[in-house]
Amino acid sequence: MDDLEALKSIDQAMNNSYDIIVGNKTLEEITDTTDINHLVFIHDISSKHSNDTIDTLLEYFKENEDYEKCLKLSEINNNN
């Protein structure tokens, strides 16, 4: 895997975990629309996400200036 593919996998993992955590998509919806090679997550999908997972996602989306996702994650983080 080259550097560009690794970056794409990280981005896919972040977005997949984000979609699961905020309830945008179910696991079934992600598996139906995602190539098996890109079925990656940053958290264990068989259990509830941790605050560390939220913090990691917040940091990632801040760096990418995706503030809408940051806002949604902050709301979830404040409710936990």
Protein backbone atom coordinates (compact mmCIF):
# COMPACT_ATOMS: atom_id res chain seq x y z
CA MET A 1 0.00 0.00 0.00
CA ASP A 2 1.47 3.33 -0.99
CA ASP A 3 1.18 6.56 1.00
CA LEU A 4 -1.80 7.86 -0.97
CA GLU A 5 -3.74 4.64 -0.46
CA ALA A 6 -2.88 4.69 3.26
CA LEU A 7 -4.23 8.25 3.55
CA LYS A 8 -7.39 7.24 1.72
CA SER A 9 -7.85 4.29 4.10
CA ILE A 10 -7.43 6.54 7.13
CA ASP A 11 -9.95 9.00 5.71
CA GLN A 12 -12.39 6.18 4.98
CA ALA A 13 -11.98 4.77 8.50
CA MET A 14 -12.61 8.18 10.06
CA ASN A 15 -15.70 8.79 7.93
CA ASN A 16 -17.07 5.28 8.47
CA SER A 17 -16.69 5.57 12.24
CA TYR A 18 -18.19 9.05 12.17
CA ASP A 19 -21.22 7.84 10.22
CA ILE A 20 -21.81 4.96 12.65
CA ILE A 21 -21.34 7.07 15.80
CA VAL A 22 -23.58 9.96 14.76
CA GLY A 23 -26.17 7.62 13.28
CA ASN A 24 -25.89 8.78 9.67
CA LYS A 25 -25.57 5.19 8.46
CA THR A 26 -25.97 1.69 9.78
CA LEU A 27 -23.26 -0.91 9.45
CA GLU A 28 -25.39 -2.62 6.82
CA GLU A 29 -25.63 0.57 4.77
CA ILE A 30 -21.86 1.01 4.89
CA THR A 31 -21.17 -2.60 3.92
CA ASP A 32 -23.66 -2.39 1.05
CA THR A 33 -21.96 0.66 -0.47
CA THR A 34 -18.30 0.08 0.39
CA ASP A 35 -15.74 -2.14 -1.25
CA ILE A 36 -14.59 -4.79 1.25
CA ASN A 37 -11.03 -3.41 0.97
CA HIS A 38 -12.27 -0.07 2.31
CA LEU A 39 -14.43 -1.44 5.11
CA VAL A 40 -12.36 0.11 7.88
CA PHE A 41 -13.18 1.88 11.13
CA ILE A 42 -11.18 3.57 13.86
CA HIS A 43 -13.21 1.99 16.63
CA ASP A 44 -14.45 -1.45 17.56
CA ILE A 45 -17.86 -1.52 15.91
CA SER A 46 -19.02 -4.39 18.12
CA SER A 47 -19.07 -2.14 21.19
CA LYS A 48 -19.99 1.42 22.14
CA HIS A 49 -17.51 4.07 21.06
CA SER A 50 -15.22 5.62 23.66
CA ASN A 51 -14.52 9.25 24.48
CA ASP A 52 -11.04 8.68 23.02
CA THR A 53 -12.64 7.76 19.71
CA ILE A 54 -14.66 10.98 19.73
CA ASP A 55 -11.53 12.97 20.57
CA THR A 56 -9.62 11.34 17.72
CA LEU A 57 -12.41 12.10 15.28
CA LEU A 58 -12.68 15.69 16.51
CA GLU A 59 -8.95 16.21 16.02
CA TYR A 60 -9.04 14.67 12.53
CA PHE A 61 -11.98 16.72 11.32
CA LYS A 62 -10.57 19.92 12.86
CA GLU A 63 -7.37 19.39 10.88
CA ASN A 64 -9.46 18.92 7.75
CA GLU A 65 -11.58 21.97 8.59
CA ASP A 66 -14.79 19.94 8.53
CA TYR A 67 -16.42 21.98 11.28
CA GLU A 68 -19.92 20.66 10.72
CA LYS A 69 -18.73 17.19 11.74
CA CYS A 70 -16.83 18.71 14.67
CA LEU A 71 -20.00 20.37 15.91
CA LYS A 72 -21.96 17.13 15.74
CA LEU A 73 -19.19 15.21 17.53
CA SER A 74 -18.94 17.91 20.21
CA GLU A 75 -22.66 17.57 20.88
CA ILE A 76 -22.28 13.81 21.30
CA ASN A 77 -19.20 14.27 23.50
CA ASN A 78 -21.06 16.71 25.76
CA ASN A 79 -23.97 14.29 26.16
CA ASN A 80 -21.72 11.43 27.31
